[in-house]
Protein backbone atom coordinates (compact mmCIF):
# COMPACT_ATOMS: atom_id res chain seq x y z
CA UNK A 1 -47.91 22.68 12.43
CA UNK A 2 -46.65 25.29 14.88
CA UNK A 3 -48.37 25.11 18.28
CA UNK A 4 -48.15 28.65 19.52
CA UNK A 5 -49.81 31.35 21.62
CA UNK A 6 -50.07 35.13 21.62
CA UNK A 7 -49.05 35.26 25.30
CA UNK A 8 -46.09 32.90 24.82
CA UNK A 9 -42.94 35.01 24.89
CA UNK A 10 -40.77 32.30 23.34
CA UNK A 11 -43.15 31.67 20.44
CA UNK A 12 -42.07 34.50 18.10
CA UNK A 13 -38.69 32.81 17.70
CA UNK A 14 -40.47 29.65 16.54
CA UNK A 15 -42.46 31.77 14.09
CA UNK A 16 -39.20 33.13 12.70
CA UNK A 17 -37.84 29.61 12.25
CA UNK A 18 -41.01 28.59 10.39
CA UNK A 19 -40.73 31.66 8.16
CA UNK A 20 -37.11 30.79 7.34
CA UNK A 21 -38.03 27.19 6.53
CA UNK A 22 -40.73 28.33 4.11
CA UNK A 23 -38.36 30.85 2.51
CA UNK A 24 -35.59 28.27 2.13
CA UNK A 25 -37.95 25.67 0.65
CA UNK A 26 -40.44 27.54 -1.56
CA UNK A 27 -43.52 25.53 -2.50
CA UNK A 28 -42.29 22.65 -0.34
CA UNK A 29 -43.02 23.74 3.24
CA UNK A 30 -46.46 24.85 4.43
CA UNK A 31 -47.12 26.23 7.90
CA UNK A 32 -50.14 26.26 10.18
CA UNK A 33 -50.13 28.18 13.46
CA UNK A 34 -52.32 26.37 15.97
CA UNK A 35 -53.59 28.19 19.07
CA UNK A 36 -55.05 25.42 21.22
CA UNK A 37 -57.11 25.92 24.36
CA UNK A 38 -55.09 23.27 26.20
CA UNK A 39 -52.10 25.65 26.17
CA UNK A 40 -53.89 27.50 28.96
CA UNK A 41 -52.52 30.93 29.81
CA UNK A 42 -50.51 31.20 26.59
CA UNK A 43 -53.57 31.16 24.30
CA UNK A 44 -56.26 32.54 26.61
CA UNK A 45 -57.36 36.11 25.79
CA UNK A 46 -57.28 38.76 28.50
CA UNK A 47 -60.60 40.01 29.81
CA UNK A 48 -59.27 43.35 31.08
CA UNK A 49 -57.47 46.23 29.41
CA UNK A 50 -56.87 46.58 25.69
CA UNK A 51 -54.06 44.03 25.25
CA UNK A 52 -54.26 40.39 24.18
CA UNK A 53 -58.04 40.43 23.85
CA UNK A 54 -58.22 38.58 20.54
CA UNK A 55 -59.16 34.90 20.84
CA UNK A 56 -57.18 32.84 18.33
CA UNK A 57 -58.56 29.56 19.70
CA UNK A 58 -61.16 27.56 17.76
CA UNK A 59 -62.78 24.15 17.56
CA UNK A 60 -60.44 22.90 14.84
CA UNK A 61 -57.26 23.78 16.74
CA UNK A 62 -58.64 22.25 19.93
CA UNK A 63 -59.67 19.07 18.11
CA UNK A 64 -56.24 18.62 16.53
CA UNK A 65 -54.53 19.17 19.85
CA UNK A 66 -56.85 16.71 21.59
CA UNK A 67 -55.59 14.08 19.13
CA UNK A 68 -51.88 14.90 19.14
CA UNK A 69 -51.47 16.32 22.67
CA UNK A 70 -48.83 18.85 21.65
CA UNK A 71 -49.80 21.92 23.71
CA UNK A 72 -49.48 20.03 26.99
CA UNK A 73 -45.78 19.44 26.28
CA UNK A 74 -45.12 23.20 26.47
CA UNK A 75 -44.96 25.96 23.87
CA UNK A 76 -43.55 26.46 21.36
CA UNK A 77 -43.63 22.98 19.86
CA UNK A 78 -44.53 21.72 16.41
CA UNK A 79 -45.06 18.71 14.20
CA UNK A 80 -43.45 17.99 10.85
CA UNK A 81 -45.83 15.87 8.76
CA UNK A 82 -47.24 14.60 12.08
CA UNK A 83 -44.38 12.12 12.30
CA UNK A 84 -42.33 11.10 15.31
CA UNK A 85 -38.64 12.06 15.32
CA UNK A 86 -36.44 10.72 18.11
CA UNK A 87 -39.53 9.15 19.66
CA UNK A 88 -41.83 12.19 19.75
CA UNK A 89 -44.11 14.18 17.47
CA UNK A 90 -43.83 17.27 19.70
CA UNK A 91 -40.70 18.83 18.27
CA UNK A 92 -38.93 21.91 19.67
CA UNK A 93 -38.24 24.57 17.01
CA UNK A 94 -34.50 23.86 17.05
CA UNK A 95 -35.21 20.45 15.48
CA UNK A 96 -37.66 21.55 12.78
CA UNK A 97 -35.02 22.14 10.11
CA UNK A 98 -33.56 18.66 10.43
CA UNK A 99 -37.00 17.04 10.38
CA UNK A 100 -38.03 19.05 7.32
CA UNK A 101 -34.86 18.08 5.45
CA UNK A 102 -35.49 14.42 6.30
CA UNK A 103 -39.00 14.61 4.87
CA UNK A 104 -38.00 16.52 1.74
CA UNK A 105 -35.48 13.80 0.89
CA UNK A 106 -38.25 11.20 0.58
CA UNK A 107 -39.94 10.24 -2.68
CA UNK A 108 -43.27 11.90 -3.42
CA UNK A 109 -46.16 9.49 -2.86
CA UNK A 110 -49.10 11.61 -3.99
CA UNK A 111 -50.05 14.84 -5.69
CA UNK A 112 -52.66 17.28 -4.37
CA UNK A 113 -53.97 20.24 -6.38
CA UNK A 114 -56.62 22.80 -5.48
CA UNK A 115 -58.97 24.91 -7.56
CA UNK A 116 -61.59 27.10 -5.93
CA UNK A 117 -64.28 29.72 -6.40
CA UNK A 118 -64.75 32.57 -3.92
CA UNK A 119 -67.96 34.64 -4.05
CA UNK A 120 -67.37 37.97 -2.33
CA UNK A 121 -71.06 38.89 -2.38
CA UNK A 122 -72.34 36.02 -0.23
CA UNK A 123 -68.88 34.99 1.09
CA UNK A 124 -69.26 31.45 -0.14
CA UNK A 125 -66.33 29.21 -0.96
CA UNK A 126 -66.26 26.14 -3.20
CA UNK A 127 -63.11 24.02 -3.46
CA UNK A 128 -62.21 21.31 -5.94
CA UNK A 129 -59.43 19.09 -4.61
CA UNK A 130 -57.62 16.76 -6.99
CA UNK A 131 -55.67 13.85 -5.49
CA UNK A 132 -53.47 11.50 -7.50
CA UNK A 133 -51.41 8.54 -6.32
CA UNK A 134 -47.73 8.62 -7.26
CA UNK A 135 -46.75 5.37 -5.56
CA UNK A 136 -47.79 1.73 -5.58
CA UNK A 137 -47.11 1.72 -1.81
CA UNK A 138 -49.56 4.49 -0.96
CA UNK A 139 -51.69 3.60 2.11
CA UNK A 140 -55.29 2.66 1.35
CA UNK A 141 -56.83 4.49 4.32
CA UNK A 142 -56.29 8.07 3.16
CA UNK A 143 -58.17 11.20 4.17
CA UNK A 144 -58.06 14.72 2.78
CA UNK A 145 -58.79 17.70 5.03
CA UNK A 146 -58.97 21.34 3.97
CA UNK A 147 -58.26 24.22 6.34
CA UNK A 148 -58.46 28.01 6.13
CA UNK A 149 -55.48 30.01 7.39
CA UNK A 150 -55.22 33.76 7.87
CA UNK A 151 -52.02 35.76 7.45
CA UNK A 152 -50.86 39.33 8.15
CA UNK A 153 -53.17 39.68 11.14
CA UNK A 154 -51.74 42.45 13.32
CA UNK A 155 -52.31 42.11 17.06
CA UNK A 156 -50.55 41.82 20.39
CA UNK A 157 -47.83 39.21 20.96
CA UNK A 158 -45.64 38.49 23.96
CA UNK A 159 -41.94 38.39 23.08
CA UNK A 160 -39.29 37.95 25.75
CA UNK A 161 -36.56 39.18 23.40
CA UNK A 162 -37.79 42.80 23.21
CA UNK A 163 -37.94 45.59 25.80
CA UNK A 164 -41.19 45.37 27.71
CA UNK A 165 -41.62 41.77 26.45
CA UNK A 166 -44.69 42.75 24.41
CA UNK A 167 -45.26 43.75 20.78
CA UNK A 168 -48.41 45.70 19.96
CA UNK A 169 -48.24 45.44 16.17
CA UNK A 170 -47.02 41.88 15.72
CA UNK A 171 -47.87 40.23 12.40
CA UNK A 172 -49.46 36.84 12.99
CA UNK A 173 -49.28 34.44 10.04
CA UNK A 174 -50.55 30.96 9.17
CA UNK A 175 -53.34 31.22 11.77
CA UNK A 176 -55.55 28.15 11.57
CA UNK A 177 -59.06 29.63 11.54
CA UNK A 178 -61.41 26.83 10.51
CA UNK A 179 -61.88 23.66 8.51
CA UNK A 180 -63.70 23.68 5.20
CA UNK A 181 -65.83 20.60 5.58
CA UNK A 182 -65.21 17.97 8.28
CA UNK A 183 -62.30 18.70 10.62
CA UNK A 184 -60.67 15.37 9.80
CA UNK A 185 -61.64 15.57 6.14
CA UNK A 186 -63.00 12.88 3.88
CA UNK A 187 -61.74 9.51 2.71
CA UNK A 188 -60.12 9.56 -0.73
CA UNK A 189 -58.91 6.87 -3.13
CA UNK A 190 -60.78 4.36 -0.99
CA UNK A 191 -61.34 1.87 -3.78
CA UNK A 192 -58.05 2.26 -5.57
CA UNK A 193 -54.84 3.87 -4.27
CA UNK A 194 -52.61 2.27 -6.93
CA UNK A 195 -50.05 4.39 -8.74
CA UNK A 196 -51.82 6.73 -11.17
CA UNK A 197 -55.28 6.50 -9.63
CA UNK A 198 -56.95 9.84 -8.92
CA UNK A 199 -60.05 11.43 -7.46
CA UNK A 200 -61.72 14.83 -7.12
CA UNK A 201 -63.42 15.90 -3.89
CA UNK A 202 -65.56 19.02 -3.49
CA UNK A 203 -65.58 21.06 -0.27
CA UNK A 204 -67.72 24.13 0.41
CA UNK A 205 -68.46 26.64 3.14
CA UNK A 206 -70.28 29.89 3.76
CA UNK A 207 -68.19 32.38 5.74
CA UNK A 208 -70.73 35.21 5.93
CA UNK A 209 -70.58 35.27 9.72
CA UNK A 210 -66.78 35.66 9.85
CA UNK A 211 -64.69 38.82 9.73
CA UNK A 212 -61.45 37.32 8.41
CA UNK A 213 -59.77 39.32 5.66
CA UNK A 214 -60.02 36.93 2.72
CA UNK A 215 -57.35 38.90 0.86
CA UNK A 216 -54.94 37.52 3.46
CA UNK A 217 -56.32 33.98 3.69
CA UNK A 218 -55.14 30.73 2.15
CA UNK A 219 -56.49 27.22 1.77
CA UNK A 220 -54.37 24.35 3.06
CA UNK A 221 -55.18 20.80 1.97
CA UNK A 222 -53.67 17.96 4.00
CA UNK A 223 -53.59 14.39 2.69
CA UNK A 224 -52.83 11.95 5.49
CA UNK A 225 -52.89 8.31 6.54
CA UNK A 226 -55.96 7.89 8.75
CA UNK A 227 -54.27 5.07 10.68
CA UNK A 228 -50.87 6.56 11.51
CA UNK A 229 -52.14 10.17 11.11
CA UNK A 230 -48.93 10.96 9.19
CA UNK A 231 -49.12 13.53 6.40
CA UNK A 232 -48.54 12.21 2.89
CA UNK A 233 -48.82 15.48 0.96
CA UNK A 234 -50.11 19.03 1.35
CA UNK A 235 -50.97 21.99 -0.83
CA UNK A 236 -51.67 25.69 -0.24
CA UNK A 237 -53.32 28.33 -2.43
CA UNK A 238 -54.41 31.90 -1.76
CA UNK A 239 -58.17 32.45 -1.59
CA UNK A 240 -57.78 35.70 -3.54
CA UNK A 241 -54.60 35.50 -5.68
């Protein structure tokens, strides 16, 4: 979870690191770019001129940041599975690779799979999320949340590494746009989290009032421990393959 901002000139480097992590670990690393209101200037849109007018902020991003308090530590920062490394969850990009490698070395505790139906006519979305325990030590207080992310969104971005320190046609990826269902998700495997137990949850939403390009959107499911808030497993699928 990359806490970022379109007016943060150091943030494109963090985006590059995230891209490299995903490329180096296909189907094992999933990114979300979170533009939280608490980042202040860095995420606030401009009200004058034609630059930086898009507002990436939203209720979901603000709610997550209110819980984890990442933006207040300075951008760019990120979390890897919402775990603390060296005493903090707010990790600078230079530490993401090490944290990711630490997590990938652990045994898999659960499996998450997604199937979905997208209706272009009424812009309705129905998601079937399958969760299966792969460990007898899986926590009993699990929740599953589903988010919508948009990719390939071209807009302004500050970047201190380029002449003029601004990029007009920057490609924003992994933008957290909304939650499908409750922001914190729903409880799963409440009655039985033993190895081999499984459950299907259904999430739905109508996106008729939104202008996001669904050809460039993905669904991200996050299974986490509701007590520690640490991520157990995640899955991502394209809305329109």
